[in-house]
Amino acid sequence: MSTAARPVPHPDGTLDIPRDYNAASDFIDQHLTGDRRDHLAVIDDHGRYTYRELAERMNRAGNALRQLGLRQESRVVMIMLDSVDFPAVFWGAIKAGIVPIPVNTLLTADTYRHILNDSRAEAVIVSAPLYESVAPALSGQAHLRHVIVAGGGSTGDPELADLLAAASTDLEPARTTRDDCAFWLYSSGSTGAPKGTRHLHRNLRATAELYAKPVLGIRSDDIIFSAAKLFFAYGLGNGMSFPFSVGATAVYMAERPTPDAVLRVMREHQPTIYCGVPTLYAAILADRKANRDNASQALRICISAGEALPEEVGRQWQERFGAEVLDGVGSTEMLHIFLSNQPGAVRYGTSGFPVPGYEARLVDETGKDVPDGEVGELLIKGPSAAESYWNNREKSLGTFVGPWTYTGDKYYRDDQGYYHYCGRADDMMKVSGNWVSPFEVESALIEHPSVLEAAVIAREDAHGMIKPAAYVVLREDARETDDLEDSLKQHVKQKLAPWKYPRWIEFIDELPKTATGKIQRFKLRQRATETDG
């Protein structure tokens, strides 16, 4: 493919992408002419890398995979920590026509076994610190031919560094089209086995042109730091396709994104854009000394996704860190954010408006559009939608219906066009004949000065009637008392309609969450069932 064949965005949000198109050539090779080749592309825990150096590593990775015998459309699973090796392998595979599959680095061996078997991957690349947890899944795989270790180790398997060093820095891109499968992402699997979500070459450019540039306003002089990891659809956009679309700099951190680690990286590298998830924003704010002065003084804008950002968390962050948080919603199936608040027009407690280039509908159980103010399931139409779920026809037909993607999220739209998150379809509950949004109750609880986090689920009372139950994590300076429980119930009653207050409140040390920060309410439902039993 000629790198001159570039996508062309139009003012109305449509996007022309040439039929003959390779996403890696577009995102990486475009920077190899002019001064940008020596512009900083990646900062990780071990060094700094220019776009020229990143392109060379990408080409080496693609050639190394080809030399192992992987052919176009072969699949390689990536169980890798965030470092420069991640984009080298991801884009190198795509440039070679091979399909990379980044997966969560905190899964169990049984889940890795399922993913390797389900994807029929011929190779897996594992970061050395993760090898022990992955190793039990490697035996008995019918299709797996190569295990490669990144970052050293003494497993006896080939090391990625050695393969890269032996490979050429020249790589001819595979003859791919915009509609070829470029990469897979596995869903979280919170309600069943993870599903392989297949994304096309065109999808990466769509999110960059429709969200990163016009909404986030990313520029070549930006330094972007995403606490959300690269294996997550949200983090993949934040840390790779967004900065690489304009020649900006991405900061990677391999370790778990604790508040202390995030603030340290922000102080050291002074990002202009920060990307987090609501639970991490709240955890950082729990340190009352955390503010702009001991984080990044260059910060100009932040984004949040993964779950809805509570209004109070957004307001506090902007007050203390001097940057708006653009809360939005995206999904693995749509690759990145499709509803978002806009700079200068942020309304905390909402998900904003559809991103230009995307269309949204709210429908009832029969598929009929609901009027403003009524709750409906959110459907999204846009150019970044996945092709399908791998090997799961039934789920594909239920999610990807013509040009529309069923998100499973419940929303209502107000009379000004802002979208308000109510919860996942499975989490909504009817109390006294009225719909109750878990998120609404959680947001009210979080406004109490003693509460750090809260999660609300449906629970049956002694008469078999559904009522809200809350699980609450207190701030360090708060004490668990009977009076506090009563205070929290009264607090919610004052904020919301009386039937919405939680009938039960249980104080816990930590909410169960996925690696991407989403609260695992199904585990709380299991806990409630065990308690009632």
Protein backbone atom coordinates (compact mmCIF):
# COMPACT_ATOMS: atom_id res chain seq x y z
CA MET A 1 0.00 0.00 0.00
CA SER A 2 1.20 3.50 -0.73
CA THR A 3 1.33 5.56 2.45
CA ALA A 4 -0.08 8.42 0.34
CA ALA A 5 -3.46 6.64 0.36
CA ARG A 6 -4.78 8.34 3.48
CA PRO A 7 -8.25 8.61 5.02
CA VAL A 8 -10.09 11.86 4.32
CA PRO A 9 -12.41 13.25 7.05
CA HIS A 10 -15.39 15.39 6.03
CA PRO A 11 -17.10 18.17 8.01
CA ASP A 12 -20.29 16.13 8.38
CA GLY A 13 -18.44 13.39 10.29
CA THR A 14 -18.19 10.91 7.43
CA LEU A 15 -14.81 9.40 6.64
CA ASP A 16 -13.40 8.21 3.33
CA ILE A 17 -10.86 5.40 3.80
CA PRO A 18 -9.23 3.93 0.68
CA ARG A 19 -10.18 0.33 -0.06
CA ASP A 20 -6.51 -0.72 -0.16
CA TYR A 21 -5.47 0.26 3.33
CA ASN A 22 -3.16 -0.92 6.11
CA ALA A 23 -3.72 0.77 9.46
CA ALA A 24 -0.10 0.36 10.62
CA SER A 25 1.27 2.05 7.50
CA ASP A 26 -1.19 4.86 8.07
CA PHE A 27 -0.60 5.45 11.80
CA ILE A 28 3.16 4.87 12.03
CA ASP A 29 4.76 5.25 8.61
CA GLN A 30 3.08 8.61 8.02
CA HIS A 31 5.52 10.16 10.51
CA LEU A 32 8.70 9.06 8.73
CA THR A 33 8.94 12.11 6.48
CA GLY A 34 9.95 15.57 7.67
CA ASP A 35 10.81 16.54 11.23
CA ARG A 36 8.26 14.30 12.93
CA ARG A 37 10.39 11.16 12.50
CA ASP A 38 12.56 12.41 15.37
CA HIS A 39 9.63 13.52 17.51
CA LEU A 40 9.13 11.58 20.73
CA ALA A 41 6.53 8.83 20.26
CA VAL A 42 6.72 6.77 23.46
CA ILE A 43 8.03 7.17 26.99
CA ASP A 44 8.01 3.98 29.05
CA ASP A 45 9.63 2.78 32.28
CA HIS A 46 12.92 2.09 30.49
CA GLY A 47 13.41 4.85 27.95
CA ARG A 48 12.24 7.26 25.27
CA TYR A 49 11.62 6.37 21.64
CA THR A 50 11.15 8.55 18.57
CA TYR A 51 8.74 7.78 15.75
CA ARG A 52 11.67 6.59 13.66
CA GLU A 53 12.72 4.17 16.41
CA LEU A 54 9.14 3.01 16.94
CA ALA A 55 8.75 2.36 13.19
CA GLU A 56 11.96 0.31 13.17
CA ARG A 57 10.78 -1.78 16.15
CA MET A 58 7.40 -2.24 14.48
CA ASN A 59 9.04 -3.49 11.28
CA ARG A 60 11.34 -5.81 13.22
CA ALA A 61 8.34 -7.24 15.08
CA GLY A 62 6.37 -7.85 11.88
CA ASN A 63 9.36 -9.53 10.23
CA ALA A 64 10.03 -11.63 13.34
CA LEU A 65 6.46 -12.96 13.31
CA ARG A 66 6.71 -13.76 9.60
CA GLN A 67 10.00 -15.58 10.18
CA LEU A 68 8.26 -17.76 12.75
CA GLY A 69 5.96 -18.92 9.95
CA LEU A 70 2.93 -16.78 10.77
CA ARG A 71 1.05 -15.82 7.61
CA GLN A 72 -1.58 -13.26 6.75
CA GLU A 73 -4.63 -13.68 9.04
CA SER A 74 -2.68 -15.85 11.51
CA ARG A 75 -3.37 -14.79 15.09
CA VAL A 76 -0.99 -13.87 17.92
CA VAL A 77 -2.16 -13.37 21.50
CA MET A 78 -0.48 -10.54 23.42
CA ILE A 79 -0.36 -10.88 27.23
CA MET A 80 1.90 -7.90 27.65
CA LEU A 81 2.52 -5.09 30.12
CA ASP A 82 2.52 -1.51 28.85
CA SER A 83 5.91 -0.69 27.32
CA VAL A 84 7.29 0.18 23.88
CA ASP A 85 7.17 -3.55 23.05
CA PHE A 86 3.37 -3.41 23.07
CA PRO A 87 2.91 -0.99 20.13
CA ALA A 88 5.88 -2.58 18.32
CA VAL A 89 4.17 -5.99 18.35
CA PHE A 90 0.62 -4.67 17.83
CA TRP A 91 1.40 -2.47 14.81
CA GLY A 92 4.08 -4.83 13.49
CA ALA A 93 1.59 -7.68 13.35
CA ILE A 94 -1.02 -5.48 11.65
CA LYS A 95 1.50 -4.24 9.09
CA ALA A 96 2.41 -7.86 8.30
CA GLY A 97 -1.27 -8.78 7.93
CA ILE A 98 -1.16 -10.86 11.12
CA VAL A 99 -3.96 -10.36 13.68
CA PRO A 100 -2.83 -9.30 17.19
CA ILE A 101 -5.10 -10.09 20.13
CA PRO A 102 -4.21 -8.01 23.22
CA VAL A 103 -5.76 -9.48 26.36
CA ASN A 104 -6.16 -8.53 29.99
CA THR A 105 -2.98 -9.13 32.02
CA LEU A 106 -4.87 -10.06 35.21
CA LEU A 107 -6.84 -13.10 34.05
CA THR A 108 -6.73 -16.62 35.45
CA ALA A 109 -4.94 -19.50 33.74
CA ASP A 110 -8.33 -21.04 32.91
CA THR A 111 -9.40 -17.88 31.09
CA TYR A 112 -6.11 -17.68 29.19
CA ARG A 113 -6.60 -21.32 28.22
CA HIS A 114 -10.06 -20.48 26.87
CA ILE A 115 -8.78 -17.50 24.86
CA LEU A 116 -5.86 -19.40 23.35
CA ASN A 117 -8.09 -22.30 22.41
CA ASP A 118 -10.97 -20.14 21.17
CA SER A 119 -8.79 -17.83 19.05
CA ARG A 120 -6.67 -20.67 17.63
CA ALA A 121 -3.66 -18.42 18.03
CA GLU A 122 -0.42 -19.79 16.60
CA ALA A 123 1.77 -17.63 18.84
CA VAL A 124 1.56 -15.96 22.22
CA ILE A 125 3.84 -13.21 23.54
CA VAL A 126 3.98 -12.98 27.34
CA SER A 127 5.71 -10.36 29.48
CA ALA A 128 8.19 -12.10 31.78
CA PRO A 129 6.52 -11.02 35.07
CA LEU A 130 3.26 -12.59 33.86
CA TYR A 131 4.70 -15.88 32.63
CA GLU A 132 4.08 -17.88 35.81
CA SER A 133 0.36 -17.09 35.79
CA VAL A 134 0.06 -17.91 32.06
CA ALA A 135 2.20 -21.06 31.97
CA PRO A 136 -0.53 -23.54 33.09
CA ALA A 137 -2.62 -22.48 30.08
CA LEU A 138 0.07 -23.21 27.49
CA SER A 139 0.02 -27.01 27.48
CA GLY A 140 -2.39 -29.01 25.36
CA GLN A 141 -3.09 -26.20 22.89
CA ALA A 142 -3.88 -27.64 19.46
CA HIS A 143 -2.91 -24.56 17.44
CA LEU A 144 -0.22 -22.82 19.54
CA ARG A 145 3.24 -23.22 17.99
CA HIS A 146 5.30 -20.42 19.53
CA VAL A 147 5.63 -18.99 23.05
CA ILE A 148 7.71 -15.81 23.19
CA VAL A 149 8.76 -13.99 26.36
CA ALA A 150 9.08 -10.21 26.48
CA GLY A 151 11.37 -8.53 28.97
CA GLY A 152 13.85 -11.29 29.79
CA GLY A 153 13.40 -14.31 32.01
CA SER A 154 14.76 -17.84 32.00
CA THR A 155 11.82 -19.90 30.78
CA GLY A 156 13.73 -21.49 27.92
CA ASP A 157 11.35 -19.92 25.39
CA PRO A 158 12.56 -17.49 22.71
CA GLU A 159 12.92 -13.91 23.93
CA LEU A 160 11.27 -11.08 22.07
CA ALA A 161 14.38 -8.90 22.26
CA ASP A 162 16.45 -11.55 20.49
CA LEU A 163 13.86 -12.02 17.76
CA LEU A 164 13.68 -8.27 17.18
CA ALA A 165 17.44 -7.89 17.08
CA ALA A 166 17.70 -10.57 14.38
CA ALA A 167 14.93 -9.15 12.19
CA SER A 168 15.13 -6.56 9.43
CA THR A 169 14.03 -2.95 9.90
CA ASP A 170 12.43 -2.98 6.42
CA LEU A 171 8.92 -4.42 6.17
CA GLU A 172 6.67 -4.37 3.15
CA PRO A 173 3.07 -3.94 4.35
CA ALA A 174 0.64 -6.76 3.67
CA ARG A 175 -1.91 -6.14 0.96
CA THR A 176 -4.85 -5.54 3.26
CA THR A 177 -8.10 -3.63 2.79
CA ARG A 178 -10.06 -1.33 5.07
CA ASP A 179 -12.47 -4.22 5.70
CA ASP A 180 -9.86 -6.82 6.60
CA CYS A 181 -9.80 -7.89 10.24
CA ALA A 182 -6.95 -5.99 11.91
CA PHE A 183 -7.11 -7.11 15.56
CA TRP A 184 -9.34 -8.72 18.16
CA LEU A 185 -10.23 -7.67 21.68
CA TYR A 186 -11.81 -10.09 24.13
CA SER A 187 -14.77 -8.81 26.13
CA SER A 188 -14.52 -8.80 29.92
CA GLY A 189 -16.53 -12.00 30.27
CA SER A 190 -18.25 -10.70 33.41
CA THR A 191 -21.43 -12.59 32.48
CA GLY A 192 -19.89 -15.59 30.74
CA ALA A 193 -16.85 -16.69 28.76
CA PRO A 194 -14.98 -13.78 27.10
CA LYS A 195 -16.00 -13.15 23.48
CA GLY A 196 -13.52 -12.36 20.71
CA THR A 197 -14.55 -8.99 19.23
CA ARG A 198 -13.22 -8.58 15.68
CA HIS A 199 -12.20 -5.08 14.58
CA LEU A 200 -11.31 -3.91 11.08
CA HIS A 201 -8.41 -1.82 9.77
CA ARG A 202 -10.79 1.12 9.21
CA ASN A 203 -12.00 1.23 12.82
CA LEU A 204 -8.82 2.66 14.34
CA ARG A 205 -8.77 5.69 12.06
CA ALA A 206 -12.49 6.30 12.65
CA THR A 207 -12.04 6.78 16.40
CA ALA A 208 -9.05 9.08 15.87
CA GLU A 209 -10.79 11.29 13.32
CA LEU A 210 -14.20 11.45 15.02
CA TYR A 211 -13.25 11.64 18.71
CA ALA A 212 -9.54 12.23 19.32
CA LYS A 213 -9.11 15.23 17.03
CA PRO A 214 -12.43 17.15 17.15
CA VAL A 215 -13.58 16.32 20.73
CA LEU A 216 -10.40 15.67 22.70
CA GLY A 217 -8.51 18.14 20.53
CA ILE A 218 -5.29 16.14 20.56
CA ARG A 219 -2.28 17.83 18.93
CA SER A 220 1.24 16.81 18.00
CA ASP A 221 2.66 18.74 20.98
CA ASP A 222 0.50 16.82 23.49
CA ILE A 223 1.81 14.31 26.00
CA ILE A 224 -0.95 11.81 26.80
CA PHE A 225 -0.95 9.47 29.78
CA SER A 226 -3.59 6.76 30.10
CA ALA A 227 -3.92 4.94 33.40
CA ALA A 228 -6.23 2.57 31.54
CA LYS A 229 -3.99 -0.12 30.07
CA LEU A 230 -3.35 -0.75 26.38
CA PHE A 231 -5.13 -4.12 26.32
CA PHE A 232 -8.40 -2.31 27.10
CA ALA A 233 -10.22 -0.75 24.10
CA TYR A 234 -10.31 2.58 25.93
CA GLY A 235 -6.58 2.44 26.72
CA LEU A 236 -5.66 1.26 23.23
CA GLY A 237 -7.16 4.43 21.78
CA ASN A 238 -5.74 6.70 24.46
CA GLY A 239 -2.23 5.28 24.33
CA MET A 240 -1.78 4.31 20.67
CA SER A 241 -4.25 5.28 17.97
CA PHE A 242 -4.90 8.78 19.37
CA PRO A 243 -1.32 10.00 19.87
CA PHE A 244 -0.03 8.18 16.79
CA SER A 245 -2.73 9.75 14.63
CA VAL A 246 -1.18 13.22 15.10
CA GLY A 247 2.43 12.52 16.13
CA ALA A 248 1.94 13.17 19.85
CA THR A 249 3.78 11.47 22.73
CA ALA A 250 2.35 8.57 24.77
CA VAL A 251 3.48 7.76 28.31
CA TYR A 252 3.33 4.11 29.43
CA MET A 253 3.51 2.67 32.94
CA ALA A 254 3.83 -1.09 33.40
CA GLU A 255 2.76 -1.27 37.03
CA ARG A 256 -0.75 -1.29 38.43
CA PRO A 257 -2.27 2.22 38.30
CA THR A 258 -2.53 3.03 42.00
CA PRO A 259 -3.14 6.67 42.98
CA ASP A 260 0.48 7.05 44.14
CA ALA A 261 1.87 5.57 40.91
CA VAL A 262 -0.38 7.72 38.70
CA LEU A 263 0.53 10.94 40.54
CA ARG A 264 4.24 10.04 40.36
CA VAL A 265 4.10 9.55 36.60
CA MET A 266 2.15 12.79 36.19
CA ARG A 267 4.77 14.71 38.19
CA GLU A 268 7.65 13.16 36.27
CA HIS A 269 6.34 13.51 32.71
CA GLN A 270 3.87 16.43 32.97
CA PRO A 271 1.21 15.11 30.57
CA THR A 272 -1.17 17.56 28.96
CA ILE A 273 -3.93 14.92 28.64
CA TYR A 274 -4.82 12.35 31.30
CA CYS A 275 -7.16 9.40 30.73
CA GLY A 276 -8.62 7.55 33.71
CA VAL A 277 -11.61 5.61 34.98
CA PRO A 278 -14.09 6.85 37.61
CA THR A 279 -12.85 4.63 40.44
CA LEU A 280 -9.30 5.90 39.96
CA TYR A 281 -10.38 9.54 39.83
CA ALA A 282 -12.23 8.98 43.12
CA ALA A 283 -9.28 7.14 44.69
CA ILE A 284 -6.88 9.97 43.82
CA LEU A 285 -9.30 12.56 45.22
CA ALA A 286 -9.51 10.57 48.47
CA ASP A 287 -6.04 11.98 49.20
CA ARG A 288 -7.11 15.47 50.18
CA LYS A 289 -3.59 16.77 49.46
CA ALA A 290 -3.62 15.60 45.83
CA ASN A 291 -3.96 18.52 43.43
CA ARG A 292 -2.49 20.12 40.31
CA ASP A 293 0.64 21.27 42.12
CA ASN A 294 1.75 17.71 42.98
CA ALA A 295 0.58 16.15 39.70
CA SER A 296 0.92 17.69 36.22
CA GLN A 297 0.93 21.46 36.00
CA ALA A 298 0.70 21.10 32.19
CA LEU A 299 -2.64 19.27 32.35
CA ARG A 300 -5.17 20.86 30.00
CA ILE A 301 -7.90 18.22 29.66
CA CYS A 302 -8.89 14.79 31.03
CA ILE A 303 -11.24 12.06 29.90
CA SER A 304 -13.11 9.35 31.76
CA ALA A 305 -14.82 6.18 30.54
CA GLY A 306 -15.32 2.57 31.58
CA GLU A 307 -18.20 3.50 33.86
CA ALA A 308 -20.19 6.69 34.35
CA LEU A 309 -18.36 9.42 36.28
CA PRO A 310 -20.30 10.60 39.35
CA GLU A 311 -21.08 14.32 39.29
CA GLU A 312 -19.31 15.07 42.55
CA VAL A 313 -16.12 13.33 41.44
CA GLY A 314 -15.99 15.35 38.22
CA ARG A 315 -16.55 18.65 40.01
CA GLN A 316 -13.91 17.96 42.66
CA TRP A 317 -11.35 16.93 40.06
CA GLN A 318 -11.79 20.09 38.03
CA GLU A 319 -11.55 22.24 41.16
CA ARG A 320 -8.35 20.61 42.41
CA PHE A 321 -6.57 19.77 39.16
CA GLY A 322 -7.68 22.70 37.00
CA ALA A 323 -8.80 20.61 34.03
CA GLU A 324 -12.21 19.54 32.80
CA VAL A 325 -13.03 15.84 32.70
CA LEU A 326 -14.80 14.84 29.49
CA ASP A 327 -16.90 11.95 30.74
CA GLY A 328 -18.06 9.66 27.96
CA VAL A 329 -19.17 6.14 27.20
CA GLY A 330 -17.65 3.63 24.82
CA SER A 331 -17.44 -0.14 24.51
CA THR A 332 -15.24 -2.93 23.25
CA GLU A 333 -17.72 -3.41 20.42
CA MET A 334 -17.47 0.27 19.30
CA LEU A 335 -13.73 0.50 20.14
CA HIS A 336 -13.85 3.87 21.89
CA ILE A 337 -16.08 6.72 23.08
CA PHE A 338 -19.27 7.45 21.13
CA LEU A 339 -21.14 9.64 23.65
CA SER A 340 -19.13 12.42 25.26
CA ASN A 341 -19.18 15.71 27.03
CA GLN A 342 -17.57 18.50 25.02
CA PRO A 343 -14.86 20.96 26.13
CA GLY A 344 -16.47 24.08 27.54
CA ALA A 345 -19.90 22.40 27.69
CA VAL A 346 -19.32 19.75 30.38
CA ARG A 347 -22.31 18.78 32.47
CA TYR A 348 -21.06 16.46 35.18
CA GLY A 349 -23.38 13.56 35.91
CA THR A 350 -24.15 13.06 32.21
CA SER A 351 -22.48 11.33 29.27
CA GLY A 352 -22.92 14.38 27.05
CA PHE A 353 -23.99 14.06 23.41
CA PRO A 354 -23.29 11.64 20.54
CA VAL A 355 -19.82 12.19 19.10
CA PRO A 356 -20.19 13.73 15.60
CA GLY A 357 -20.21 10.86 13.11
CA TYR A 358 -22.20 8.61 15.49
CA GLU A 359 -25.97 8.33 15.89
CA ALA A 360 -27.81 7.25 19.05
CA ARG A 361 -31.28 5.84 19.71
CA LEU A 362 -33.06 4.93 22.94
CA VAL A 363 -35.59 2.11 22.52
CA ASP A 364 -38.02 0.15 24.68
CA GLU A 365 -38.37 -3.63 24.91
CA THR A 366 -40.21 -3.72 21.55
CA GLY A 367 -37.53 -1.70 19.74
CA LYS A 368 -39.65 1.46 19.62
CA ASP A 369 -37.97 4.82 20.24
CA VAL A 370 -38.79 6.33 23.64
CA PRO A 371 -39.45 10.05 24.16
CA ASP A 372 -37.08 12.37 26.02
CA GLY A 373 -37.16 11.77 29.75
CA GLU A 374 -38.00 8.05 29.48
CA VAL A 375 -35.45 5.29 30.02
CA GLY A 376 -34.52 3.12 27.05
CA GLU A 377 -31.72 0.87 25.86
CA LEU A 378 -28.96 2.71 24.01
CA LEU A 379 -28.28 1.77 20.38
CA ILE A 380 -25.31 3.26 18.54
CA LYS A 381 -24.56 3.58 14.83
CA GLY A 382 -21.05 4.56 13.77
CA PRO A 383 -18.00 3.67 11.65
CA SER A 384 -15.95 2.00 14.42
CA ALA A 385 -18.35 -0.88 15.13
CA ALA A 386 -16.80 -4.34 15.29
CA GLU A 387 -17.53 -6.81 12.52
CA SER A 388 -18.77 -9.58 14.83
CA TYR A 389 -17.96 -11.82 17.76
CA TRP A 390 -15.72 -14.72 16.76
CA ASN A 391 -17.43 -18.09 16.77
CA ASN A 392 -20.57 -16.69 18.41
CA ARG A 393 -23.29 -16.22 15.82
CA GLU A 394 -26.15 -15.89 18.31
CA LYS A 395 -24.48 -13.11 20.33
CA SER A 396 -23.41 -11.36 17.11
CA LEU A 397 -26.97 -11.31 15.78
CA GLY A 398 -28.28 -9.91 19.06
CA THR A 399 -25.66 -7.16 19.32
CA PHE A 400 -24.90 -6.06 15.75
CA VAL A 401 -28.29 -5.47 14.15
CA GLY A 402 -27.83 -3.93 10.73
CA PRO A 403 -25.86 -0.70 11.21
CA TRP A 404 -26.90 -0.48 14.89
CA THR A 405 -25.04 -1.87 17.90
CA TYR A 406 -27.04 -2.74 21.03
CA THR A 407 -24.95 -1.55 23.98
CA GLY A 408 -26.90 -3.08 26.87
CA ASP A 409 -26.81 0.32 28.64
CA LYS A 410 -29.94 2.07 29.90
CA TYR A 411 -30.14 5.84 29.38
CA TYR A 412 -32.56 8.71 29.19
CA ARG A 413 -32.10 11.93 27.23
CA ASP A 414 -33.13 15.24 28.79
CA ASP A 415 -34.81 18.14 27.01
CA GLN A 416 -31.43 19.71 26.24
CA GLY A 417 -30.13 16.57 24.52
CA TYR A 418 -27.77 15.38 27.28
CA TYR A 419 -27.69 11.62 27.85
CA HIS A 420 -28.00 10.37 31.45
CA TYR A 421 -26.67 6.92 32.37
CA CYS A 422 -29.03 4.73 34.40
CA GLY A 423 -27.19 1.39 34.49
CA ARG A 424 -26.72 -1.81 32.61
CA ALA A 425 -29.96 -3.40 31.42
CA ASP A 426 -29.37 -6.30 33.82
CA ASP A 427 -28.74 -3.94 36.77
CA MET A 428 -31.90 -1.80 36.53
CA MET A 429 -34.58 -2.57 39.11
CA LYS A 430 -38.26 -1.77 39.60
CA VAL A 431 -39.13 -0.61 43.11
CA SER A 432 -42.76 0.08 44.04
CA GLY A 433 -43.57 0.02 40.33
CA ASN A 434 -40.91 2.62 39.45
CA TRP A 435 -37.59 2.13 37.65
CA VAL A 436 -34.55 2.79 39.82
CA SER A 437 -31.09 3.46 38.39
CA PRO A 438 -28.28 1.98 40.50
CA PHE A 439 -25.96 4.72 39.25
CA GLU A 440 -28.31 7.45 40.49
CA VAL A 441 -28.34 5.98 44.01
CA GLU A 442 -24.58 5.43 43.95
CA SER A 443 -24.00 9.05 42.91
CA ALA A 444 -26.14 10.28 45.81
CA LEU A 445 -24.21 8.12 48.29
CA ILE A 446 -20.85 9.35 46.99
CA GLU A 447 -21.88 12.93 47.73
CA HIS A 448 -21.87 12.07 51.45
CA PRO A 449 -18.56 13.23 52.99
CA SER A 450 -17.88 9.82 54.57
CA VAL A 451 -18.22 7.78 51.34
CA LEU A 452 -15.39 6.98 48.94
CA GLU A 453 -17.20 4.46 46.66
CA ALA A 454 -20.58 2.77 46.47
CA ALA A 455 -22.28 0.06 44.44
CA VAL A 456 -26.02 -0.63 44.42
CA ILE A 457 -27.81 -3.83 43.45
CA ALA A 458 -31.35 -5.22 43.58
CA ARG A 459 -32.20 -7.45 46.54
CA GLU A 460 -35.41 -9.15 47.66
CA ASP A 461 -36.87 -8.32 51.07
CA ALA A 462 -38.65 -10.81 53.35
CA HIS A 463 -41.81 -10.45 51.25
CA GLY A 464 -40.06 -11.12 47.93
CA MET A 465 -40.18 -7.45 46.90
CA ILE A 466 -37.22 -5.87 45.09
CA LYS A 467 -35.42 -3.08 46.96
CA PRO A 468 -32.01 -1.36 46.55
CA ALA A 469 -29.06 -2.64 48.58
CA ALA A 470 -25.81 -0.67 48.85
CA TYR A 471 -22.22 -1.72 49.39
CA VAL A 472 -20.15 1.21 50.63
CA VAL A 473 -16.41 1.86 50.92
CA LEU A 474 -15.70 4.58 53.48
CA ARG A 475 -13.02 7.22 53.38
CA GLU A 476 -10.03 6.59 55.64
CA ASP A 477 -11.16 9.21 58.17
CA ALA A 478 -14.72 7.83 58.45
CA ARG A 479 -15.90 5.25 61.00
CA GLU A 480 -18.53 2.55 60.50
CA THR A 481 -21.41 3.08 62.95
CA ASP A 482 -25.16 2.44 63.12
CA ASP A 483 -25.64 6.19 63.11
CA LEU A 484 -23.66 6.47 59.87
CA GLU A 485 -25.87 3.86 58.20
CA ASP A 486 -28.97 5.82 59.18
CA SER A 487 -27.29 9.04 58.05
CA LEU A 488 -26.58 7.60 54.61
CA LYS A 489 -30.17 6.43 54.17
CA GLN A 490 -31.50 9.85 55.12
CA HIS A 491 -28.97 11.50 52.82
CA VAL A 492 -30.27 9.52 49.82
CA LYS A 493 -33.90 10.20 50.79
CA GLN A 494 -33.18 13.93 50.74
CA LYS A 495 -31.48 13.72 47.35
CA LEU A 496 -33.82 11.33 45.54
CA ALA A 497 -37.38 10.06 45.51
CA PRO A 498 -38.09 8.19 48.78
CA TRP A 499 -38.49 4.72 47.22
CA LYS A 500 -34.91 4.88 45.88
CA TYR A 501 -33.02 4.83 49.17
CA PRO A 502 -31.06 1.63 49.99
CA ARG A 503 -32.86 -0.58 52.50
CA TRP A 504 -29.61 -2.36 53.36
CA ILE A 505 -26.12 -0.85 53.62
CA GLU A 506 -23.06 -3.02 54.05
CA PHE A 507 -19.65 -1.46 54.64
CA ILE A 508 -16.82 -3.26 52.84
CA ASP A 509 -13.11 -2.61 52.40
CA GLU A 510 -13.06 -2.84 48.61
CA LEU A 511 -15.54 -3.22 45.76
CA PRO A 512 -14.95 -6.13 43.35
CA LYS A 513 -13.78 -4.73 40.00
CA THR A 514 -12.47 -5.83 36.65
CA ALA A 515 -8.91 -4.92 35.62
CA THR A 516 -10.40 -1.97 33.75
CA GLY A 517 -12.08 -0.53 36.84
CA LYS A 518 -15.66 -1.66 36.25
CA ILE A 519 -17.57 -2.73 39.34
CA GLN A 520 -18.49 -6.41 39.20
CA ARG A 521 -22.05 -6.17 40.50
CA PHE A 522 -22.70 -9.83 39.77
CA LYS A 523 -20.25 -10.67 42.58
CA LEU A 524 -22.18 -8.40 44.92
CA ARG A 525 -25.42 -10.13 43.89
CA GLN A 526 -23.79 -13.48 44.70
CA ARG A 527 -22.71 -12.10 48.07
CA ALA A 528 -26.25 -10.90 48.80
CA THR A 529 -27.69 -14.30 47.85
CA GLU A 530 -25.26 -16.05 50.22
CA THR A 531 -26.17 -13.62 53.00
CA ASP A 532 -29.90 -14.13 52.49
CA GLY A 533 -29.43 -17.87 52.27
